[in-house]
Amino acid sequence: MGEVLQPPKAAEAEMTLLLDTSVIIDALRRRRGRREWLRSLVDEGHRLACCGISVAEVYSGMHLDETEITWNIVGSLEYVHISREAARHAGEMRTEWSRKGRTLGLADAIIATVALDFDLTLATDNRKDFPMPQLRFVELPTA
């Protein structure tokens, strides 16, 4: 799998993290210290981003009492557009991995393509879903 990066330190160069759905949901629901961790990254000058797949997944699982906080958190993230080229790349990636005997979910292929095409570091709890060796991951806090 891809390169695993430790959480950035304030003295390190700024990076942009593409947040997978699980990380956004943990921040919404105040799980595993994720909201505080994300806030500390922003305070250190790092950027947080999402794409349409994660937005749709977050809203599809949103509890009725989470409407405002969901809007606040998702709305605070940079939005990375899924271009026609990225969609094509994701489809090709699924085909390539299928030929290797590995089935990729379409949503995961699109998220991976966005991370690769925009040179973003992926923040996800589900590394097993992203076997692409060229992806970069950030180590997530667990508590």
C-alpha atoms as a PDB file:
ATOM      1  CA  MET A   1       0.000   0.000   0.000  1.00  0.00           C
ATOM      2  CA  GLY A   2       0.947   3.663  -0.168  1.00  0.00           C
ATOM      3  CA  GLU A   3       3.344   5.687   1.899  1.00  0.00           C
ATOM      4  CA  VAL A   4       2.222   6.415   5.475  1.00  0.00           C
ATOM      5  CA  LEU A   5       3.043   9.836   6.824  1.00  0.00           C
ATOM      6  CA  GLN A   6       3.066  10.771  10.477  1.00  0.00           C
ATOM      7  CA  PRO A   7       0.792  13.666  11.424  1.00  0.00           C
ATOM      8  CA  PRO A   8       2.464  16.863  10.276  1.00  0.00           C
ATOM      9  CA  LYS A   9       4.311  19.055  12.748  1.00  0.00           C
ATOM     10  CA  ALA A  10       3.957  22.824  12.735  1.00  0.00           C
ATOM     11  CA  ALA A  11       7.473  23.248  11.356  1.00  0.00           C
ATOM     12  CA  GLU A  12       6.787  20.999   8.354  1.00  0.00           C
ATOM     13  CA  ALA A  13       5.580  22.245   4.997  1.00  0.00           C
ATOM     14  CA  GLU A  14       1.879  22.762   4.576  1.00  0.00           C
ATOM     15  CA  MET A  15      -0.030  19.869   3.112  1.00  0.00           C
ATOM     16  CA  THR A  16      -3.590  19.323   2.007  1.00  0.00           C
ATOM     17  CA  LEU A  17      -5.419  16.322   3.383  1.00  0.00           C
ATOM     18  CA  LEU A  18      -8.297  14.737   1.491  1.00  0.00           C
ATOM     19  CA  LEU A  19     -10.683  13.523   4.179  1.00  0.00           C
ATOM     20  CA  ASP A  20     -12.414  10.216   3.645  1.00  0.00           C
ATOM     21  CA  THR A  21     -15.987   9.881   4.878  1.00  0.00           C
ATOM     22  CA  SER A  22     -15.097   8.053   8.099  1.00  0.00           C
ATOM     23  CA  VAL A  23     -12.886  10.917   9.253  1.00  0.00           C
ATOM     24  CA  ILE A  24     -15.589  13.524   8.581  1.00  0.00           C
ATOM     25  CA  ILE A  25     -18.201  11.442  10.415  1.00  0.00           C
ATOM     26  CA  ASP A  26     -15.867  11.003  13.391  1.00  0.00           C
ATOM     27  CA  ALA A  27     -15.392  14.779  13.508  1.00  0.00           C
ATOM     28  CA  LEU A  28     -19.150  15.345  13.327  1.00  0.00           C
ATOM     29  CA  ARG A  29     -19.826  12.889  16.135  1.00  0.00           C
ATOM     30  CA  ARG A  30     -16.795  13.872  18.230  1.00  0.00           C
ATOM     31  CA  ARG A  31     -15.234  10.423  18.033  1.00  0.00           C
ATOM     32  CA  ARG A  32     -11.576   9.509  18.565  1.00  0.00           C
ATOM     33  CA  GLY A  33     -10.476  13.111  19.012  1.00  0.00           C
ATOM     34  CA  ARG A  34     -10.875  13.712  15.290  1.00  0.00           C
ATOM     35  CA  ARG A  35     -12.503  17.160  15.499  1.00  0.00           C
ATOM     36  CA  GLU A  36      -9.720  18.458  17.729  1.00  0.00           C
ATOM     37  CA  TRP A  37      -7.058  16.837  15.551  1.00  0.00           C
ATOM     38  CA  LEU A  38      -8.472  18.451  12.416  1.00  0.00           C
ATOM     39  CA  ARG A  39      -8.667  21.825  14.170  1.00  0.00           C
ATOM     40  CA  SER A  40      -5.013  21.504  15.228  1.00  0.00           C
ATOM     41  CA  LEU A  41      -3.992  20.753  11.637  1.00  0.00           C
ATOM     42  CA  VAL A  42      -5.747  23.885  10.413  1.00  0.00           C
ATOM     43  CA  ASP A  43      -4.139  25.910  13.219  1.00  0.00           C
ATOM     44  CA  GLU A  44      -0.755  24.649  11.969  1.00  0.00           C
ATOM     45  CA  GLY A  45      -1.493  25.890   8.444  1.00  0.00           C
ATOM     46  CA  HIS A  46      -2.551  22.638   6.792  1.00  0.00           C
ATOM     47  CA  ARG A  47      -5.567  22.480   4.523  1.00  0.00           C
ATOM     48  CA  LEU A  48      -8.484  20.066   4.714  1.00  0.00           C
ATOM     49  CA  ALA A  49     -10.454  19.002   1.676  1.00  0.00           C
ATOM     50  CA  CYS A  50     -13.234  16.697   0.577  1.00  0.00           C
ATOM     51  CA  CYS A  51     -14.843  15.656  -2.685  1.00  0.00           C
ATOM     52  CA  GLY A  52     -18.408  14.987  -3.757  1.00  0.00           C
ATOM     53  CA  ILE A  53     -18.274  11.296  -2.859  1.00  0.00           C
ATOM     54  CA  SER A  54     -17.554  12.018   0.804  1.00  0.00           C
ATOM     55  CA  VAL A  55     -20.124  14.815   0.924  1.00  0.00           C
ATOM     56  CA  ALA A  56     -22.816  12.493  -0.462  1.00  0.00           C
ATOM     57  CA  GLU A  57     -21.832   9.668   1.907  1.00  0.00           C
ATOM     58  CA  VAL A  58     -21.840  11.969   4.950  1.00  0.00           C
ATOM     59  CA  TYR A  59     -25.264  13.389   4.120  1.00  0.00           C
ATOM     60  CA  SER A  60     -26.697   9.946   3.380  1.00  0.00           C
ATOM     61  CA  GLY A  61     -25.841   8.801   6.919  1.00  0.00           C
ATOM     62  CA  MET A  62     -26.530  12.065   8.731  1.00  0.00           C
ATOM     63  CA  HIS A  63     -28.757  12.000  11.824  1.00  0.00           C
ATOM     64  CA  LEU A  64     -31.607  14.515  11.883  1.00  0.00           C
ATOM     65  CA  ASP A  65     -30.028  16.459  14.756  1.00  0.00           C
ATOM     66  CA  GLU A  66     -26.726  16.810  12.872  1.00  0.00           C
ATOM     67  CA  THR A  67     -27.905  19.081  10.064  1.00  0.00           C
ATOM     68  CA  GLU A  68     -26.284  22.278  11.309  1.00  0.00           C
ATOM     69  CA  ILE A  69     -22.965  20.791  12.427  1.00  0.00           C
ATOM     70  CA  THR A  70     -22.755  18.759   9.219  1.00  0.00           C
ATOM     71  CA  TRP A  71     -23.193  21.906   7.157  1.00  0.00           C
ATOM     72  CA  ASN A  72     -20.632  23.753   9.290  1.00  0.00           C
ATOM     73  CA  ILE A  73     -17.971  21.052   9.048  1.00  0.00           C
ATOM     74  CA  VAL A  74     -18.482  20.048   5.420  1.00  0.00           C
ATOM     75  CA  GLY A  75     -18.812  23.704   4.422  1.00  0.00           C
ATOM     76  CA  SER A  76     -15.491  24.549   6.082  1.00  0.00           C
ATOM     77  CA  LEU A  77     -13.569  22.072   3.912  1.00  0.00           C
ATOM     78  CA  GLU A  78     -12.027  22.880   0.559  1.00  0.00           C
ATOM     79  CA  TYR A  79     -14.026  21.174  -2.149  1.00  0.00           C
ATOM     80  CA  VAL A  80     -12.146  19.264  -4.839  1.00  0.00           C
ATOM     81  CA  HIS A  81     -14.170  18.937  -8.019  1.00  0.00           C
ATOM     82  CA  ILE A  82     -14.421  15.507  -9.609  1.00  0.00           C
ATOM     83  CA  SER A  83     -13.641  16.254 -13.246  1.00  0.00           C
ATOM     84  CA  ARG A  84     -14.563  14.166 -16.251  1.00  0.00           C
ATOM     85  CA  GLU A  85     -10.881  13.196 -16.511  1.00  0.00           C
ATOM     86  CA  ALA A  86     -10.826  12.087 -12.860  1.00  0.00           C
ATOM     87  CA  ALA A  87     -13.970  10.014 -13.417  1.00  0.00           C
ATOM     88  CA  ARG A  88     -12.359   8.340 -16.427  1.00  0.00           C
ATOM     89  CA  HIS A  89      -9.187   7.723 -14.442  1.00  0.00           C
ATOM     90  CA  ALA A  90     -11.226   6.120 -11.623  1.00  0.00           C
ATOM     91  CA  GLY A  91     -12.946   3.790 -14.065  1.00  0.00           C
ATOM     92  CA  GLU A  92      -9.628   2.794 -15.595  1.00  0.00           C
ATOM     93  CA  MET A  93      -8.191   2.229 -12.129  1.00  0.00           C
ATOM     94  CA  ARG A  94     -11.055  -0.116 -11.224  1.00  0.00           C
ATOM     95  CA  THR A  95     -10.492  -2.062 -14.438  1.00  0.00           C
ATOM     96  CA  GLU A  96      -6.742  -2.297 -13.803  1.00  0.00           C
ATOM     97  CA  TRP A  97      -7.215  -3.586 -10.249  1.00  0.00           C
ATOM     98  CA  SER A  98      -9.954  -5.982 -11.365  1.00  0.00           C
ATOM     99  CA  ARG A  99      -7.480  -7.563 -13.780  1.00  0.00           C
ATOM    100  CA  LYS A 100      -5.180  -8.070 -10.787  1.00  0.00           C
ATOM    101  CA  GLY A 101      -7.980  -9.886  -8.981  1.00  0.00           C
ATOM    102  CA  ARG A 102      -8.873  -7.017  -6.636  1.00  0.00           C
ATOM    103  CA  THR A 103     -12.307  -5.385  -6.636  1.00  0.00           C
ATOM    104  CA  LEU A 104     -12.351  -1.685  -5.823  1.00  0.00           C
ATOM    105  CA  GLY A 105     -15.527   0.124  -4.873  1.00  0.00           C
ATOM    106  CA  LEU A 106     -16.404   2.932  -7.255  1.00  0.00           C
ATOM    107  CA  ALA A 107     -16.495   5.528  -4.470  1.00  0.00           C
ATOM    108  CA  ASP A 108     -13.049   4.474  -3.245  1.00  0.00           C
ATOM    109  CA  ALA A 109     -11.632   4.547  -6.774  1.00  0.00           C
ATOM    110  CA  ILE A 110     -12.931   8.097  -7.237  1.00  0.00           C
ATOM    111  CA  ILE A 111     -11.513   9.250  -3.888  1.00  0.00           C
ATOM    112  CA  ALA A 112      -8.155   7.658  -4.724  1.00  0.00           C
ATOM    113  CA  THR A 113      -8.140   9.326  -8.134  1.00  0.00           C
ATOM    114  CA  VAL A 114      -8.887  12.728  -6.622  1.00  0.00           C
ATOM    115  CA  ALA A 115      -6.042  12.272  -4.121  1.00  0.00           C
ATOM    116  CA  LEU A 116      -3.615  11.222  -6.847  1.00  0.00           C
ATOM    117  CA  ASP A 117      -4.666  13.772  -9.470  1.00  0.00           C
ATOM    118  CA  PHE A 118      -4.439  16.684  -7.033  1.00  0.00           C
ATOM    119  CA  ASP A 119      -1.401  15.366  -5.106  1.00  0.00           C
ATOM    120  CA  LEU A 120      -3.322  15.185  -1.819  1.00  0.00           C
ATOM    121  CA  THR A 121      -2.581  13.095   1.255  1.00  0.00           C
ATOM    122  CA  LEU A 122      -5.474  10.790   2.147  1.00  0.00           C
ATOM    123  CA  ALA A 123      -6.889  10.673   5.669  1.00  0.00           C
ATOM    124  CA  THR A 124      -8.876   7.436   6.019  1.00  0.00           C
ATOM    125  CA  ASP A 125      -9.560   4.649   8.470  1.00  0.00           C
ATOM    126  CA  ASN A 126      -9.981   2.236   5.589  1.00  0.00           C
ATOM    127  CA  ARG A 127      -6.521   1.838   4.077  1.00  0.00           C
ATOM    128  CA  LYS A 128      -7.377  -1.688   2.958  1.00  0.00           C
ATOM    129  CA  ASP A 129      -9.789  -0.113   0.446  1.00  0.00           C
ATOM    130  CA  PHE A 130      -6.957   1.903  -1.114  1.00  0.00           C
ATOM    131  CA  PRO A 131      -4.218  -0.508  -2.270  1.00  0.00           C
ATOM    132  CA  MET A 132      -2.620   1.921  -4.722  1.00  0.00           C
ATOM    133  CA  PRO A 133       1.076   2.158  -3.834  1.00  0.00           C
ATOM    134  CA  GLN A 134       1.369   5.726  -5.077  1.00  0.00           C
ATOM    135  CA  LEU A 135      -1.164   7.055  -2.526  1.00  0.00           C
ATOM    136  CA  ARG A 136       0.077   8.928   0.540  1.00  0.00           C
ATOM    137  CA  PHE A 137      -1.713   8.461   3.867  1.00  0.00           C
ATOM    138  CA  VAL A 138      -1.564  10.347   7.136  1.00  0.00           C
ATOM    139  CA  GLU A 139      -1.530   8.494  10.448  1.00  0.00           C
ATOM    140  CA  LEU A 140      -4.826   9.147  12.231  1.00  0.00           C
ATOM    141  CA  PRO A 141      -5.342   9.592  15.962  1.00  0.00           C
ATOM    142  CA  THR A 142      -7.232   6.683  17.481  1.00  0.00           C
ATOM    143  CA  ALA A 143      -8.444   8.287  20.698  1.00  0.00           C
END
